[in-house]
C-alpha atoms as a PDB file:
ATOM      1  CA  MET A   1      -1.942  11.668   1.422  1.00  0.00           C
ATOM      2  CA  LEU A   2       1.548  10.168   1.293  1.00  0.00           C
ATOM      3  CA  ALA A   3       2.859  13.271   3.068  1.00  0.00           C
ATOM      4  CA  ASP A   4      -0.014  13.510   5.567  1.00  0.00           C
ATOM      5  CA  ASP A   5       1.852  12.281   8.652  1.00  0.00           C
ATOM      6  CA  ALA A   6       5.204  12.783  10.355  1.00  0.00           C
ATOM      7  CA  LEU A   7       6.950   9.973   8.463  1.00  0.00           C
ATOM      8  CA  GLY A   8       5.594  10.975   5.062  1.00  0.00           C
ATOM      9  CA  ALA A   9       6.182  14.679   5.623  1.00  0.00           C
ATOM     10  CA  ALA A  10       9.887  13.940   6.071  1.00  0.00           C
ATOM     11  CA  ARG A  11      10.264  12.012   2.798  1.00  0.00           C
ATOM     12  CA  GLU A  12       7.536  13.178   0.382  1.00  0.00           C
ATOM     13  CA  ASP A  13       6.983  16.413  -1.524  1.00  0.00           C
ATOM     14  CA  ALA A  14       3.340  17.376  -2.048  1.00  0.00           C
ATOM     15  CA  GLY A  15       4.251  20.638  -3.788  1.00  0.00           C
ATOM     16  CA  LEU A  16       3.402  21.567  -7.343  1.00  0.00           C
ATOM     17  CA  PRO A  17       4.637  20.994  -9.880  1.00  0.00           C
ATOM     18  CA  LEU A  18       5.040  17.347  -8.938  1.00  0.00           C
ATOM     19  CA  ASP A  19       8.547  16.022  -8.642  1.00  0.00           C
ATOM     20  CA  PRO A  20       9.362  14.161 -11.899  1.00  0.00           C
ATOM     21  CA  GLY A  21      10.126  11.039  -9.856  1.00  0.00           C
ATOM     22  CA  TYR A  22       6.421  10.677  -9.070  1.00  0.00           C
ATOM     23  CA  ILE A  23       5.551  10.923 -12.778  1.00  0.00           C
ATOM     24  CA  ARG A  24       8.143   8.283 -13.721  1.00  0.00           C
ATOM     25  CA  ALA A  25       6.952   5.960 -10.949  1.00  0.00           C
ATOM     26  CA  PHE A  26       3.319   6.333 -11.988  1.00  0.00           C
ATOM     27  CA  ALA A  27       4.197   5.520 -15.609  1.00  0.00           C
ATOM     28  CA  ALA A  28       6.188   2.432 -14.583  1.00  0.00           C
ATOM     29  CA  ILE A  29       3.379   1.194 -12.332  1.00  0.00           C
ATOM     30  CA  ALA A  30       0.744   1.809 -15.010  1.00  0.00           C
ATOM     31  CA  ALA A  31       2.799  -0.153 -17.574  1.00  0.00           C
ATOM     32  CA  ASP A  32       3.294  -3.206 -15.315  1.00  0.00           C
ATOM     33  CA  PRO A  33       0.438  -5.755 -15.288  1.00  0.00           C
ATOM     34  CA  ASN A  34       1.552  -6.934 -11.843  1.00  0.00           C
ATOM     35  CA  GLN A  35       0.983  -3.504 -10.287  1.00  0.00           C
ATOM     36  CA  MET A  36      -2.229  -1.735  -9.314  1.00  0.00           C
ATOM     37  CA  LEU A  37      -2.742   1.719  -7.893  1.00  0.00           C
ATOM     38  CA  ALA A  38      -6.182   2.008  -6.330  1.00  0.00           C
ATOM     39  CA  VAL A  39      -8.005   5.044  -5.035  1.00  0.00           C
ATOM     40  CA  ALA A  40     -11.149   5.407  -2.975  1.00  0.00           C
ATOM     41  CA  GLU A  41     -13.184   8.343  -4.193  1.00  0.00           C
ATOM     42  CA  GLU A  42     -16.026  10.218  -2.554  1.00  0.00           C
ATOM     43  CA  ASP A  43     -17.852  13.121  -4.181  1.00  0.00           C
ATOM     44  CA  GLY A  44     -15.030  13.528  -6.691  1.00  0.00           C
ATOM     45  CA  ALA A  45     -12.303  13.670  -4.035  1.00  0.00           C
ATOM     46  CA  VAL A  46      -9.690  10.987  -3.405  1.00  0.00           C
ATOM     47  CA  VAL A  47     -10.108   9.840   0.198  1.00  0.00           C
ATOM     48  CA  GLY A  48      -7.925   6.718   0.177  1.00  0.00           C
ATOM     49  CA  THR A  49      -5.211   4.999  -1.786  1.00  0.00           C
ATOM     50  CA  LEU A  50      -3.075   1.901  -1.858  1.00  0.00           C
ATOM     51  CA  GLN A  51      -0.664   0.078  -4.140  1.00  0.00           C
ATOM     52  CA  LEU A  52      -1.029  -3.629  -4.818  1.00  0.00           C
ATOM     53  CA  THR A  53       1.781  -5.698  -6.312  1.00  0.00           C
ATOM     54  CA  PHE A  54       1.494  -9.299  -7.501  1.00  0.00           C
ATOM     55  CA  ILE A  55       4.724 -11.239  -6.956  1.00  0.00           C
ATOM     56  CA  PRO A  56       5.546 -14.635  -8.446  1.00  0.00           C
ATOM     57  CA  GLY A  57       7.644 -16.874  -6.246  1.00  0.00           C
ATOM     58  CA  LEU A  58       9.090 -20.338  -5.956  1.00  0.00           C
ATOM     59  CA  SER A  59       8.076 -21.008  -2.353  1.00  0.00           C
ATOM     60  CA  TYR A  60       4.716 -22.591  -1.623  1.00  0.00           C
ATOM     61  CA  LYS A  61       5.117 -24.603  -4.835  1.00  0.00           C
ATOM     62  CA  GLY A  62       5.385 -21.566  -7.080  1.00  0.00           C
ATOM     63  CA  ALA A  63       2.650 -19.545  -5.418  1.00  0.00           C
ATOM     64  CA  TRP A  64       1.926 -15.916  -6.149  1.00  0.00           C
ATOM     65  CA  ARG A  65       1.640 -13.407  -3.334  1.00  0.00           C
ATOM     66  CA  GLY A  66       0.111  -9.988  -3.058  1.00  0.00           C
ATOM     67  CA  GLN A  67       2.007  -7.091  -1.530  1.00  0.00           C
ATOM     68  CA  ILE A  68      -0.038  -4.187  -0.149  1.00  0.00           C
ATOM     69  CA  GLU A  69       1.863  -0.912   0.113  1.00  0.00           C
ATOM     70  CA  ALA A  70       1.282   2.795   0.723  1.00  0.00           C
ATOM     71  CA  VAL A  71      -2.129   2.452   2.350  1.00  0.00           C
ATOM     72  CA  ARG A  72      -3.425   5.911   3.131  1.00  0.00           C
ATOM     73  CA  VAL A  73      -6.799   7.251   4.205  1.00  0.00           C
ATOM     74  CA  ALA A  74      -7.560  10.976   4.265  1.00  0.00           C
ATOM     75  CA  ALA A  75      -7.431  12.362   7.796  1.00  0.00           C
ATOM     76  CA  SER A  76     -11.088  13.411   7.577  1.00  0.00           C
ATOM     77  CA  ARG A  77     -12.153   9.809   6.832  1.00  0.00           C
ATOM     78  CA  ARG A  78     -10.070   7.863   9.354  1.00  0.00           C
ATOM     79  CA  GLY A  79     -11.935   5.708  11.856  1.00  0.00           C
ATOM     80  CA  GLN A  80     -14.993   5.301   9.593  1.00  0.00           C
ATOM     81  CA  GLY A  81     -14.226   1.860   8.100  1.00  0.00           C
ATOM     82  CA  LEU A  82     -12.842   3.057   4.774  1.00  0.00           C
ATOM     83  CA  GLY A  83      -9.396   1.538   5.370  1.00  0.00           C
ATOM     84  CA  ALA A  84     -10.926  -1.843   6.193  1.00  0.00           C
ATOM     85  CA  ARG A  85     -13.034  -1.739   3.011  1.00  0.00           C
ATOM     86  CA  MET A  86      -9.916  -0.888   0.992  1.00  0.00           C
ATOM     87  CA  ILE A  87      -7.953  -3.804   2.477  1.00  0.00           C
ATOM     88  CA  ARG A  88     -10.846  -6.216   1.906  1.00  0.00           C
ATOM     89  CA  TRP A  89     -10.981  -5.046  -1.716  1.00  0.00           C
ATOM     90  CA  ALA A  90      -7.229  -5.658  -2.069  1.00  0.00           C
ATOM     91  CA  LEU A  91      -7.593  -9.142  -0.558  1.00  0.00           C
ATOM     92  CA  ASP A  92     -10.369  -9.924  -3.036  1.00  0.00           C
ATOM     93  CA  GLU A  93      -8.130  -8.761  -5.913  1.00  0.00           C
ATOM     94  CA  CYS A  94      -5.350 -11.041  -4.641  1.00  0.00           C
ATOM     95  CA  ARG A  95      -7.710 -13.997  -4.452  1.00  0.00           C
ATOM     96  CA  ALA A  96      -8.948 -13.278  -7.975  1.00  0.00           C
ATOM     97  CA  ARG A  97      -5.333 -13.329  -9.197  1.00  0.00           C
ATOM     98  CA  GLY A  98      -4.698 -16.673  -7.491  1.00  0.00           C
ATOM     99  CA  CYS A  99      -2.425 -15.413  -4.723  1.00  0.00           C
ATOM    100  CA  ARG A 100      -1.668 -17.817  -1.893  1.00  0.00           C
ATOM    101  CA  LEU A 101      -0.442 -15.140   0.534  1.00  0.00           C
ATOM    102  CA  VAL A 102      -0.912 -11.438   1.060  1.00  0.00           C
ATOM    103  CA  GLN A 103       1.775  -9.494   2.845  1.00  0.00           C
ATOM    104  CA  LEU A 104       2.368  -5.946   3.899  1.00  0.00           C
ATOM    105  CA  SER A 105       4.749  -3.989   6.025  1.00  0.00           C
ATOM    106  CA  THR A 106       4.255  -0.943   8.159  1.00  0.00           C
ATOM    107  CA  ASN A 107       6.686   1.236  10.013  1.00  0.00           C
ATOM    108  CA  MET A 108       7.365   0.057  13.549  1.00  0.00           C
ATOM    109  CA  SER A 109       6.253   3.455  14.894  1.00  0.00           C
ATOM    110  CA  ARG A 110       2.743   3.112  13.399  1.00  0.00           C
ATOM    111  CA  THR A 111       1.194   1.304  16.355  1.00  0.00           C
ATOM    112  CA  ASP A 112      -2.375   2.232  15.340  1.00  0.00           C
ATOM    113  CA  ALA A 113      -1.728   0.602  11.951  1.00  0.00           C
ATOM    114  CA  HIS A 114      -0.437  -2.536  13.679  1.00  0.00           C
ATOM    115  CA  ARG A 115      -3.689  -2.900  15.610  1.00  0.00           C
ATOM    116  CA  PHE A 116      -5.695  -2.167  12.449  1.00  0.00           C
ATOM    117  CA  TYR A 117      -3.998  -4.905  10.402  1.00  0.00           C
ATOM    118  CA  GLU A 118      -4.240  -7.414  13.232  1.00  0.00           C
ATOM    119  CA  ARG A 119      -8.001  -6.735  13.516  1.00  0.00           C
ATOM    120  CA  LEU A 120      -8.228  -7.611   9.806  1.00  0.00           C
ATOM    121  CA  GLY A 121      -6.537 -10.978  10.401  1.00  0.00           C
ATOM    122  CA  PHE A 122      -2.903 -10.211   9.545  1.00  0.00           C
ATOM    123  CA  SER A 123      -0.296 -11.608  11.912  1.00  0.00           C
ATOM    124  CA  ARG A 124       3.206 -10.481  12.813  1.00  0.00           C
ATOM    125  CA  SER A 125       5.043 -13.390  11.273  1.00  0.00           C
ATOM    126  CA  HIS A 126       8.360 -11.954  10.052  1.00  0.00           C
ATOM    127  CA  PHE A 127      10.891  -9.271  10.781  1.00  0.00           C
ATOM    128  CA  GLY A 128      11.422  -6.858   7.932  1.00  0.00           C
ATOM    129  CA  TYR A 129      14.536  -4.942   6.986  1.00  0.00           C
ATOM    130  CA  LYS A 130      15.066  -2.044   4.604  1.00  0.00           C
ATOM    131  CA  LEU A 131      18.185  -0.358   3.356  1.00  0.00           C
ATOM    132  CA  ASP A 132      18.175   3.043   1.663  1.00  0.00           C
ATOM    133  CA  VAL A 133      20.641   2.686  -1.199  1.00  0.00           C
ATOM    134  CA  GLY A 134      20.084   6.242  -2.423  1.00  0.00           C
ATOM    135  CA  GLY A 135      18.905   5.399  -5.944  1.00  0.00           C
ATOM    136  CA  GLY A 136      16.555   7.323  -8.139  1.00  0.00           C
END
């Protein structure tokens, strides 16, 4: 699902065998108690996924925040409410972990995603910047 759009197709590799980088990343995420990979499954097939990271911070009097990343819903399931259920689940997980804030970012070209997150109560509050440093 990571490669199932124009942006992902340009940066991901869905071929088999899997690139070893995916295996290393999965192992690192699985070993970190502040990381969660979640999948939505239907009839034995993965139809959605997201990554949830819990981040300690000094602002807001030492509050924790949740970071939602890599939200994907299978093309055949889009527009049926699955993405909203996944985000609500992630928000509940953040609340259970005592997070004060939940944040996410989405590519500026993903205008449908912008509307989706705003419908769920997220607001455009910050500018985000990324720099590809070529590691890994």
